[in-house]
């Protein structure tokens, strides 16, 4: 861990309807990696699909843990999704409190909170106890108001135009995944 490089670990939230939340988080991961930080990325909804970002993170030796089975609106078993989210949070909370990392990314956690699979107060309580030097980045649409209030830095991505809506284009390899 590189605690000498961190003055105050921040809680950073990327939310909103626009594209770029995970991309912004991964930009932070690359920056931190370049400075020798120990990093772990949790994907709360994405499955281990071999996406471009998962491949490169693993090639760099950055720990990646996928906790979901894919997007929940395609779910056949919401109860199982809730169980996965709760088990995933237990793993993430343990790593947050461990003192072993300089940066932890909780990708798509806001979706899990928005779906009420997890309680935002429980998340905030854990974040209050995190090591002082740990940065935590949280992504996903629908960040709850109390998390927005608690966070040190919040960016809301606004969709102005998207090819899915304007041209009917689905997500493309190398651009969206």
N, C-alpha and C. Protein backbone atom coordinates (compact mmCIF):
# COMPACT_ATOMS: atom_id res chain seq x y z
N UNK A 1 0.84 -1.18 0.00
CA UNK A 1 0.00 0.00 0.00
C UNK A 1 0.88 1.24 0.00
N UNK A 2 0.46 2.29 -0.64
CA UNK A 2 1.24 3.52 -0.77
C UNK A 2 0.62 4.65 0.03
N UNK A 3 0.47 4.46 1.32
CA UNK A 3 -0.19 5.47 2.15
C UNK A 3 0.57 6.79 2.17
N UNK A 4 1.88 6.76 1.90
CA UNK A 4 2.66 7.99 1.87
C UNK A 4 2.25 8.89 0.70
N UNK A 5 1.57 8.35 -0.29
CA UNK A 5 1.18 9.13 -1.46
C UNK A 5 -0.21 9.74 -1.33
N UNK A 6 -0.92 9.39 -0.27
CA UNK A 6 -2.31 9.82 -0.12
C UNK A 6 -2.43 10.70 1.11
N UNK A 7 -2.98 11.90 0.94
CA UNK A 7 -3.20 12.79 2.08
C UNK A 7 -4.55 12.53 2.71
N UNK A 8 -5.58 12.33 1.88
CA UNK A 8 -6.92 11.99 2.37
C UNK A 8 -7.60 11.16 1.31
N UNK A 9 -7.98 9.98 1.69
CA UNK A 9 -8.71 9.13 0.76
C UNK A 9 -10.09 9.70 0.52
N UNK A 10 -10.46 9.84 -0.73
CA UNK A 10 -11.74 10.44 -1.11
C UNK A 10 -12.78 9.37 -1.43
N UNK A 11 -14.03 9.72 -1.22
CA UNK A 11 -15.16 8.94 -1.73
C UNK A 11 -15.66 9.71 -2.94
N UNK A 12 -15.56 9.08 -4.11
CA UNK A 12 -15.89 9.70 -5.38
C UNK A 12 -17.07 8.95 -5.99
N UNK A 13 -18.08 9.70 -6.44
CA UNK A 13 -19.26 9.10 -7.05
C UNK A 13 -19.42 9.62 -8.47
N UNK A 14 -19.55 8.69 -9.42
CA UNK A 14 -19.89 9.01 -10.80
C UNK A 14 -21.29 8.45 -11.05
N UNK A 15 -22.25 9.33 -11.32
CA UNK A 15 -23.64 8.91 -11.48
C UNK A 15 -24.25 9.64 -12.67
N UNK A 16 -25.52 9.45 -12.90
CA UNK A 16 -26.22 10.14 -13.97
C UNK A 16 -26.61 9.21 -15.10
N UNK A 17 -27.36 9.77 -16.05
CA UNK A 17 -27.90 9.00 -17.17
C UNK A 17 -26.93 8.88 -18.33
N UNK A 18 -25.87 9.67 -18.32
CA UNK A 18 -24.94 9.66 -19.45
C UNK A 18 -23.90 8.56 -19.37
N UNK A 19 -23.30 8.29 -20.52
CA UNK A 19 -22.23 7.30 -20.62
C UNK A 19 -20.95 7.85 -20.00
N UNK A 20 -20.14 6.96 -19.46
CA UNK A 20 -18.82 7.38 -19.00
C UNK A 20 -18.53 7.19 -17.53
N UNK A 21 -19.45 6.64 -16.78
CA UNK A 21 -19.24 6.47 -15.34
C UNK A 21 -18.13 5.45 -15.06
N UNK A 22 -18.26 4.28 -15.64
CA UNK A 22 -17.22 3.27 -15.46
C UNK A 22 -15.93 3.73 -16.13
N UNK A 23 -16.04 4.36 -17.29
CA UNK A 23 -14.84 4.85 -17.98
C UNK A 23 -14.08 5.85 -17.13
N UNK A 24 -14.79 6.74 -16.45
CA UNK A 24 -14.14 7.72 -15.56
C UNK A 24 -13.45 7.00 -14.41
N UNK A 25 -14.13 6.01 -13.84
CA UNK A 25 -13.53 5.25 -12.74
C UNK A 25 -12.26 4.54 -13.20
N UNK A 26 -12.31 3.96 -14.40
CA UNK A 26 -11.14 3.24 -14.91
C UNK A 26 -10.00 4.19 -15.25
N UNK A 27 -10.32 5.41 -15.64
CA UNK A 27 -9.28 6.42 -15.81
C UNK A 27 -8.57 6.69 -14.50
N UNK A 28 -9.34 6.76 -13.42
CA UNK A 28 -8.75 6.92 -12.09
C UNK A 28 -7.89 5.72 -11.70
N UNK A 29 -8.35 4.53 -12.07
CA UNK A 29 -7.58 3.31 -11.79
C UNK A 29 -6.24 3.37 -12.51
N UNK A 30 -6.24 3.75 -13.79
CA UNK A 30 -4.98 3.82 -14.53
C UNK A 30 -4.04 4.85 -13.94
N UNK A 31 -4.58 5.99 -13.55
CA UNK A 31 -3.76 7.03 -12.93
C UNK A 31 -3.14 6.51 -11.63
N UNK A 32 -3.96 5.89 -10.79
CA UNK A 32 -3.47 5.37 -9.51
C UNK A 32 -2.44 4.25 -9.73
N UNK A 33 -2.71 3.38 -10.69
CA UNK A 33 -1.78 2.29 -11.01
C UNK A 33 -0.42 2.85 -11.42
N UNK A 34 -0.44 3.92 -12.20
CA UNK A 34 0.79 4.56 -12.62
C UNK A 34 1.62 5.10 -11.48
N UNK A 35 0.97 5.36 -10.35
CA UNK A 35 1.66 5.84 -9.16
C UNK A 35 1.91 4.73 -8.15
N UNK A 36 1.70 3.50 -8.56
CA UNK A 36 2.03 2.36 -7.70
C UNK A 36 1.00 2.01 -6.65
N UNK A 37 -0.23 2.49 -6.81
CA UNK A 37 -1.27 2.19 -5.82
C UNK A 37 -1.71 0.73 -5.94
N UNK A 38 -2.10 0.17 -4.82
CA UNK A 38 -2.71 -1.16 -4.79
C UNK A 38 -4.21 -0.97 -4.98
N UNK A 39 -4.78 -1.66 -5.96
CA UNK A 39 -6.14 -1.38 -6.43
C UNK A 39 -6.94 -2.67 -6.51
N UNK A 40 -8.24 -2.55 -6.22
CA UNK A 40 -9.18 -3.64 -6.47
C UNK A 40 -10.44 -3.05 -7.06
N UNK A 41 -10.99 -3.74 -8.06
CA UNK A 41 -12.21 -3.32 -8.74
C UNK A 41 -13.27 -4.39 -8.53
N UNK A 42 -14.41 -3.97 -8.01
CA UNK A 42 -15.58 -4.85 -7.88
C UNK A 42 -16.61 -4.42 -8.91
N UNK A 43 -17.11 -5.38 -9.70
CA UNK A 43 -18.23 -5.13 -10.61
C UNK A 43 -19.46 -5.76 -9.98
N UNK A 44 -20.41 -4.92 -9.55
CA UNK A 44 -21.58 -5.44 -8.84
C UNK A 44 -22.63 -6.07 -9.75
N UNK A 45 -22.69 -5.68 -11.01
CA UNK A 45 -23.70 -6.25 -11.90
C UNK A 45 -23.05 -6.99 -13.06
N UNK A 46 -22.00 -6.43 -13.62
CA UNK A 46 -21.35 -7.09 -14.76
C UNK A 46 -20.89 -8.49 -14.36
N UNK A 47 -21.02 -9.41 -15.30
CA UNK A 47 -20.48 -10.74 -15.07
C UNK A 47 -19.07 -10.80 -15.64
N UNK A 48 -18.39 -11.88 -15.37
CA UNK A 48 -17.03 -12.06 -15.89
C UNK A 48 -17.14 -12.44 -17.36
N UNK A 49 -17.22 -11.42 -18.19
CA UNK A 49 -17.53 -11.62 -19.61
C UNK A 49 -16.32 -11.47 -20.52
N UNK A 50 -15.18 -11.18 -19.94
CA UNK A 50 -14.02 -10.95 -20.78
C UNK A 50 -14.07 -9.62 -21.51
N UNK A 51 -14.74 -8.62 -20.90
CA UNK A 51 -14.80 -7.30 -21.51
C UNK A 51 -13.38 -6.74 -21.64
N UNK A 52 -13.22 -5.77 -22.50
CA UNK A 52 -11.91 -5.17 -22.71
C UNK A 52 -11.30 -4.65 -21.43
N UNK A 53 -12.11 -3.99 -20.60
CA UNK A 53 -11.55 -3.44 -19.37
C UNK A 53 -11.15 -4.54 -18.39
N UNK A 54 -11.94 -5.61 -18.30
CA UNK A 54 -11.57 -6.71 -17.41
C UNK A 54 -10.27 -7.35 -17.87
N UNK A 55 -10.12 -7.54 -19.17
CA UNK A 55 -8.90 -8.15 -19.71
C UNK A 55 -7.66 -7.32 -19.37
N UNK A 56 -7.73 -6.02 -19.63
CA UNK A 56 -6.53 -5.20 -19.42
C UNK A 56 -6.22 -5.02 -17.94
N UNK A 57 -7.24 -4.90 -17.10
CA UNK A 57 -6.98 -4.78 -15.67
C UNK A 57 -6.26 -6.02 -15.16
N UNK A 58 -6.71 -7.17 -15.59
CA UNK A 58 -6.06 -8.41 -15.15
C UNK A 58 -4.65 -8.52 -15.73
N UNK A 59 -4.45 -8.08 -16.97
CA UNK A 59 -3.11 -8.11 -17.56
C UNK A 59 -2.15 -7.23 -16.76
N UNK A 60 -2.67 -6.14 -16.21
CA UNK A 60 -1.85 -5.24 -15.40
C UNK A 60 -1.63 -5.76 -13.98
N UNK A 61 -2.34 -6.82 -13.62
CA UNK A 61 -2.22 -7.37 -12.27
C UNK A 61 -3.13 -6.69 -11.27
N UNK A 62 -4.13 -5.97 -11.75
CA UNK A 62 -5.11 -5.32 -10.87
C UNK A 62 -6.19 -6.34 -10.55
N UNK A 63 -6.51 -6.45 -9.27
CA UNK A 63 -7.53 -7.40 -8.85
C UNK A 63 -8.91 -6.95 -9.33
N UNK A 64 -9.64 -7.88 -9.94
CA UNK A 64 -11.00 -7.63 -10.44
C UNK A 64 -11.89 -8.74 -9.91
N UNK A 65 -13.01 -8.35 -9.32
CA UNK A 65 -13.97 -9.34 -8.86
C UNK A 65 -15.35 -9.00 -9.42
N UNK A 66 -15.90 -9.92 -10.18
CA UNK A 66 -17.25 -9.74 -10.72
C UNK A 66 -18.22 -10.43 -9.78
N UNK A 67 -19.28 -9.71 -9.43
CA UNK A 67 -20.20 -10.17 -8.40
C UNK A 67 -21.58 -10.49 -8.93
N UNK A 68 -21.87 -10.13 -10.16
CA UNK A 68 -23.22 -10.30 -10.70
C UNK A 68 -23.28 -11.30 -11.83
N UNK A 69 -24.47 -11.40 -12.41
CA UNK A 69 -24.72 -12.31 -13.53
C UNK A 69 -25.09 -11.56 -14.79
N UNK A 70 -24.96 -10.25 -14.76
CA UNK A 70 -25.38 -9.44 -15.89
C UNK A 70 -26.47 -8.49 -15.44
N UNK A 71 -27.01 -7.74 -16.36
CA UNK A 71 -27.98 -6.71 -15.99
C UNK A 71 -29.27 -7.31 -15.47
N UNK A 72 -29.77 -6.76 -14.38
CA UNK A 72 -30.89 -7.37 -13.65
C UNK A 72 -32.21 -7.30 -14.39
N UNK A 73 -32.37 -6.37 -15.36
CA UNK A 73 -33.66 -6.36 -16.05
C UNK A 73 -33.79 -7.58 -16.96
N UNK A 74 -32.71 -8.32 -17.14
CA UNK A 74 -32.77 -9.59 -17.86
C UNK A 74 -32.79 -10.78 -16.90
N UNK A 75 -32.91 -10.51 -15.62
CA UNK A 75 -32.80 -11.54 -14.60
C UNK A 75 -33.98 -12.50 -14.63
N UNK A 76 -33.65 -13.74 -14.39
CA UNK A 76 -34.69 -14.75 -14.22
C UNK A 76 -34.97 -15.01 -12.75
N UNK A 77 -34.10 -14.49 -11.87
CA UNK A 77 -34.23 -14.77 -10.44
C UNK A 77 -33.72 -13.57 -9.64
N UNK A 78 -34.61 -12.63 -9.35
CA UNK A 78 -34.23 -11.42 -8.61
C UNK A 78 -33.69 -11.77 -7.22
N UNK A 79 -34.28 -12.76 -6.57
CA UNK A 79 -33.80 -13.15 -5.23
C UNK A 79 -32.33 -13.58 -5.29
N UNK A 80 -31.95 -14.26 -6.34
CA UNK A 80 -30.55 -14.65 -6.51
C UNK A 80 -29.68 -13.43 -6.74
N UNK A 81 -30.17 -12.45 -7.50
CA UNK A 81 -29.43 -11.21 -7.70
C UNK A 81 -29.22 -10.47 -6.38
N UNK A 82 -30.25 -10.45 -5.54
CA UNK A 82 -30.14 -9.81 -4.23
C UNK A 82 -29.09 -10.53 -3.39
N UNK A 83 -29.13 -11.84 -3.40
CA UNK A 83 -28.15 -12.63 -2.64
C UNK A 83 -26.73 -12.34 -3.13
N UNK A 84 -26.54 -12.30 -4.45
CA UNK A 84 -25.23 -12.00 -5.01
C UNK A 84 -24.76 -10.61 -4.59
N UNK A 85 -25.66 -9.63 -4.62
CA UNK A 85 -25.31 -8.26 -4.22
C UNK A 85 -24.89 -8.22 -2.76
N UNK A 86 -25.63 -8.89 -1.92
CA UNK A 86 -25.31 -8.88 -0.48
C UNK A 86 -24.00 -9.61 -0.20
N UNK A 87 -23.80 -10.75 -0.83
CA UNK A 87 -22.53 -11.46 -0.67
C UNK A 87 -21.37 -10.63 -1.22
N UNK A 88 -21.61 -9.97 -2.34
CA UNK A 88 -20.59 -9.11 -2.91
C UNK A 88 -20.24 -7.95 -2.01
N UNK A 89 -21.27 -7.35 -1.39
CA UNK A 89 -21.01 -6.24 -0.48
C UNK A 89 -20.18 -6.71 0.72
N UNK A 90 -20.45 -7.90 1.22
CA UNK A 90 -19.66 -8.42 2.34
C UNK A 90 -18.19 -8.50 1.95
N UNK A 91 -17.91 -9.00 0.74
CA UNK A 91 -16.52 -9.07 0.26
C UNK A 91 -15.92 -7.67 0.12
N UNK A 92 -16.67 -6.76 -0.50
CA UNK A 92 -16.16 -5.40 -0.71
C UNK A 92 -15.93 -4.70 0.62
N UNK A 93 -16.87 -4.82 1.54
CA UNK A 93 -16.72 -4.16 2.85
C UNK A 93 -15.49 -4.68 3.58
N UNK A 94 -15.26 -5.98 3.52
CA UNK A 94 -14.06 -6.54 4.15
C UNK A 94 -12.79 -5.95 3.55
N UNK A 95 -12.75 -5.81 2.23
CA UNK A 95 -11.57 -5.23 1.60
C UNK A 95 -11.45 -3.73 1.89
N UNK A 96 -12.57 -3.03 1.95
CA UNK A 96 -12.54 -1.60 2.30
C UNK A 96 -11.92 -1.41 3.68
N UNK A 97 -12.29 -2.23 4.62
CA UNK A 97 -11.83 -2.08 6.00
C UNK A 97 -10.47 -2.72 6.26
N UNK A 98 -9.97 -3.50 5.31
CA UNK A 98 -8.75 -4.28 5.53
C UNK A 98 -7.48 -3.44 5.66
N UNK A 99 -7.45 -2.28 5.04
CA UNK A 99 -6.23 -1.49 5.02
C UNK A 99 -5.22 -1.97 3.98
N UNK A 100 -5.63 -2.91 3.13
CA UNK A 100 -4.72 -3.50 2.15
C UNK A 100 -4.66 -2.75 0.82
N UNK A 101 -5.54 -1.78 0.62
CA UNK A 101 -5.67 -1.14 -0.69
C UNK A 101 -5.55 0.38 -0.57
N UNK A 102 -5.15 0.98 -1.69
CA UNK A 102 -5.12 2.44 -1.82
C UNK A 102 -6.35 2.95 -2.55
N UNK A 103 -6.92 2.12 -3.44
CA UNK A 103 -8.09 2.49 -4.23
C UNK A 103 -8.97 1.26 -4.42
N UNK A 104 -10.25 1.41 -4.13
CA UNK A 104 -11.23 0.38 -4.42
C UNK A 104 -12.33 1.01 -5.26
N UNK A 105 -12.68 0.33 -6.36
CA UNK A 105 -13.78 0.78 -7.22
C UNK A 105 -14.97 -0.14 -6.99
N UNK A 106 -16.13 0.48 -6.74
CA UNK A 106 -17.39 -0.24 -6.56
C UNK A 106 -18.26 0.08 -7.78
N UNK A 107 -17.93 -0.58 -8.89
CA UNK A 107 -18.59 -0.31 -10.16
C UNK A 107 -20.03 -0.82 -10.12
N UNK A 108 -20.96 0.04 -10.50
CA UNK A 108 -22.39 -0.28 -10.58
C UNK A 108 -23.06 -0.45 -9.22
N UNK A 109 -22.39 -0.06 -8.15
CA UNK A 109 -23.02 -0.16 -6.83
C UNK A 109 -24.29 0.68 -6.75
N UNK A 110 -24.31 1.84 -7.43
CA UNK A 110 -25.51 2.68 -7.37
C UNK A 110 -26.75 1.98 -7.91
N UNK A 111 -26.59 1.13 -8.92
CA UNK A 111 -27.74 0.36 -9.42
C UNK A 111 -28.28 -0.55 -8.33
N UNK A 112 -27.38 -1.23 -7.65
CA UNK A 112 -27.77 -2.16 -6.59
C UNK A 112 -28.50 -1.41 -5.48
N UNK A 113 -28.05 -0.19 -5.18
CA UNK A 113 -28.73 0.63 -4.17
C UNK A 113 -30.08 1.11 -4.69
N UNK A 114 -30.12 1.53 -5.95
CA UNK A 114 -31.36 2.01 -6.55
C UNK A 114 -32.43 0.92 -6.60
N UNK A 115 -32.01 -0.33 -6.83
CA UNK A 115 -32.94 -1.46 -6.84
C UNK A 115 -33.30 -1.93 -5.43
N UNK A 116 -32.69 -1.30 -4.41
CA UNK A 116 -32.91 -1.65 -2.99
C UNK A 116 -32.44 -3.07 -2.67
N UNK A 117 -31.42 -3.55 -3.38
CA UNK A 117 -30.80 -4.83 -3.04
C UNK A 117 -29.93 -4.68 -1.80
N UNK A 118 -29.40 -3.46 -1.60
CA UNK A 118 -28.60 -3.12 -0.43
C UNK A 118 -29.09 -1.79 0.11
N UNK A 119 -28.83 -1.54 1.38
CA UNK A 119 -29.24 -0.31 2.04
C UNK A 119 -28.09 0.70 1.99
N UNK A 120 -28.36 1.89 1.50
CA UNK A 120 -27.31 2.90 1.36
C UNK A 120 -26.72 3.32 2.70
N UNK A 121 -27.51 3.31 3.76
CA UNK A 121 -26.97 3.68 5.08
C UNK A 121 -25.90 2.68 5.52
N UNK A 122 -26.10 1.41 5.20
CA UNK A 122 -25.10 0.38 5.53
C UNK A 122 -23.80 0.65 4.77
N UNK A 123 -23.91 1.06 3.53
CA UNK A 123 -22.73 1.37 2.72
C UNK A 123 -21.99 2.56 3.32
N UNK A 124 -22.74 3.61 3.64
CA UNK A 124 -22.14 4.82 4.21
C UNK A 124 -21.47 4.52 5.54
N UNK A 125 -22.10 3.71 6.36
CA UNK A 125 -21.50 3.35 7.66
C UNK A 125 -20.15 2.67 7.46
N UNK A 126 -20.04 1.80 6.49
CA UNK A 126 -18.75 1.17 6.20
C UNK A 126 -17.76 2.20 5.69
N UNK A 127 -18.19 3.09 4.81
CA UNK A 127 -17.29 4.11 4.27
C UNK A 127 -16.80 5.06 5.36
N UNK A 128 -17.61 5.30 6.37
CA UNK A 128 -17.17 6.13 7.51
C UNK A 128 -15.99 5.49 8.24
N UNK A 129 -15.93 4.17 8.22
CA UNK A 129 -14.90 3.42 8.96
C UNK A 129 -13.68 3.08 8.11
N UNK A 130 -13.70 3.45 6.84
CA UNK A 130 -12.59 3.07 5.95
C UNK A 130 -11.29 3.70 6.43
N UNK A 131 -10.16 3.08 6.08
CA UNK A 131 -8.88 3.72 6.40
C UNK A 131 -8.81 5.12 5.80
N UNK A 132 -8.20 6.03 6.52
CA UNK A 132 -8.17 7.43 6.11
C UNK A 132 -7.54 7.64 4.74
N UNK A 133 -6.60 6.78 4.36
CA UNK A 133 -5.89 6.97 3.09
C UNK A 133 -6.53 6.25 1.91
N UNK A 134 -7.62 5.53 2.11
CA UNK A 134 -8.25 4.76 1.03
C UNK A 134 -9.18 5.62 0.20
N UNK A 135 -8.97 5.59 -1.12
CA UNK A 135 -9.90 6.21 -2.06
C UNK A 135 -10.92 5.15 -2.46
N UNK A 136 -12.20 5.55 -2.58
CA UNK A 136 -13.26 4.66 -3.04
C UNK A 136 -14.02 5.38 -4.15
N UNK A 137 -14.14 4.72 -5.29
CA UNK A 137 -14.91 5.26 -6.41
C UNK A 137 -16.15 4.39 -6.59
N UNK A 138 -17.32 5.05 -6.65
CA UNK A 138 -18.60 4.36 -6.78
C UNK A 138 -19.26 4.84 -8.07
N UNK A 139 -19.75 3.88 -8.88
CA UNK A 139 -20.38 4.26 -10.14
C UNK A 139 -21.80 3.73 -10.23
N UNK A 140 -22.51 4.23 -11.23
CA UNK A 140 -23.85 3.75 -11.56
C UNK A 140 -24.88 4.86 -11.50
N UNK A 141 -25.93 4.67 -12.27
CA UNK A 141 -27.05 5.62 -12.26
C UNK A 141 -27.76 5.57 -10.92
N UNK A 142 -28.45 6.65 -10.62
CA UNK A 142 -29.35 6.66 -9.47
C UNK A 142 -28.68 6.67 -8.11
N UNK A 143 -27.55 7.34 -7.98
CA UNK A 143 -26.91 7.41 -6.66
C UNK A 143 -27.90 8.00 -5.66
N UNK A 144 -28.07 7.36 -4.50
CA UNK A 144 -29.01 7.88 -3.52
C UNK A 144 -28.54 9.22 -2.95
N UNK A 145 -29.49 10.05 -2.57
CA UNK A 145 -29.18 11.39 -2.07
C UNK A 145 -28.21 11.36 -0.89
N UNK A 146 -28.39 10.40 0.02
CA UNK A 146 -27.51 10.38 1.19
C UNK A 146 -26.08 10.03 0.81
N UNK A 147 -25.88 9.22 -0.21
CA UNK A 147 -24.52 8.92 -0.67
C UNK A 147 -23.92 10.13 -1.37
N UNK A 148 -24.71 10.83 -2.16
CA UNK A 148 -24.25 12.06 -2.81
C UNK A 148 -23.82 13.07 -1.75
N UNK A 149 -24.61 13.21 -0.71
CA UNK A 149 -24.28 14.14 0.38
C UNK A 149 -23.00 13.72 1.09
N UNK A 150 -22.82 12.43 1.32
CA UNK A 150 -21.67 11.91 2.06
C UNK A 150 -20.37 12.01 1.26
N UNK A 151 -20.43 11.80 -0.03
CA UNK A 151 -19.23 11.73 -0.87
C UNK A 151 -18.45 13.04 -0.87
N UNK A 152 -17.17 12.92 -1.16
CA UNK A 152 -16.30 14.10 -1.25
C UNK A 152 -16.36 14.74 -2.63
N UNK A 153 -16.58 13.94 -3.66
CA UNK A 153 -16.60 14.42 -5.04
C UNK A 153 -17.69 13.65 -5.77
N UNK A 154 -18.57 14.38 -6.42
CA UNK A 154 -19.67 13.76 -7.17
C UNK A 154 -19.73 14.39 -8.55
N UNK A 155 -19.77 13.54 -9.57
CA UNK A 155 -19.95 14.00 -10.94
C UNK A 155 -21.18 13.31 -11.51
N UNK A 156 -22.07 14.11 -12.10
CA UNK A 156 -23.26 13.56 -12.73
C UNK A 156 -23.08 13.63 -14.24
N UNK A 157 -23.06 12.46 -14.87
CA UNK A 157 -22.92 12.39 -16.32
C UNK A 157 -24.29 12.65 -16.96
N UNK A 158 -24.31 13.54 -17.92
CA UNK A 158 -25.56 13.90 -18.60
C UNK A 158 -25.51 13.38 -20.03
N UNK A 159 -26.53 12.63 -20.42
CA UNK A 159 -26.59 12.17 -21.80
C UNK A 159 -27.13 13.30 -22.67
N UNK A 160 -26.38 13.67 -23.66
CA UNK A 160 -26.82 14.67 -24.63
C UNK A 160 -27.29 13.96 -25.90
N UNK A 161 -26.52 12.95 -26.31
CA UNK A 161 -26.86 12.19 -27.51
C UNK A 161 -26.21 10.81 -27.37
N UNK A 162 -26.91 9.79 -27.81
CA UNK A 162 -26.38 8.43 -27.71
C UNK A 162 -26.80 7.66 -28.96
N UNK A 163 -25.88 6.90 -29.59
CA UNK A 163 -26.22 6.21 -30.83
C UNK A 163 -27.30 5.13 -30.67
N UNK A 164 -27.50 4.62 -29.47
CA UNK A 164 -28.58 3.65 -29.27
C UNK A 164 -29.93 4.33 -29.52
N UNK A 165 -30.07 5.54 -29.00
CA UNK A 165 -31.33 6.26 -29.14
C UNK A 165 -31.48 6.91 -30.53
N UNK A 166 -30.38 7.45 -31.05
CA UNK A 166 -30.49 8.17 -32.32
C UNK A 166 -30.39 7.27 -33.55
N UNK A 167 -29.69 6.12 -33.43
CA UNK A 167 -29.50 5.25 -34.59
C UNK A 167 -29.87 3.79 -34.33
N UNK A 168 -30.24 3.48 -33.09
CA UNK A 168 -30.58 2.09 -32.76
C UNK A 168 -29.37 1.18 -32.63
N UNK A 169 -28.17 1.74 -32.50
CA UNK A 169 -26.95 0.94 -32.39
C UNK A 169 -26.82 0.36 -30.99
N UNK A 170 -26.52 -0.93 -30.93
CA UNK A 170 -26.27 -1.58 -29.64
C UNK A 170 -24.82 -1.35 -29.25
N UNK A 171 -24.50 -1.69 -28.00
CA UNK A 171 -23.14 -1.54 -27.48
C UNK A 171 -22.14 -2.25 -28.40
N UNK A 172 -21.02 -1.58 -28.64
CA UNK A 172 -20.02 -2.10 -29.56
C UNK A 172 -18.73 -2.48 -28.83
N UNK A 173 -18.20 -3.63 -29.18
CA UNK A 173 -16.95 -4.12 -28.63
C UNK A 173 -15.85 -3.08 -28.85
N UNK A 174 -15.09 -2.83 -27.82
CA UNK A 174 -14.00 -1.87 -27.92
C UNK A 174 -14.40 -0.44 -27.64
N UNK A 175 -15.69 -0.15 -27.63
CA UNK A 175 -16.18 1.19 -27.32
C UNK A 175 -16.96 1.17 -26.00
N UNK A 176 -17.95 0.31 -25.90
CA UNK A 176 -18.75 0.23 -24.68
C UNK A 176 -18.36 -0.94 -23.78
N UNK A 177 -17.64 -1.89 -24.30
CA UNK A 177 -17.19 -3.01 -23.45
C UNK A 177 -15.90 -3.60 -23.99
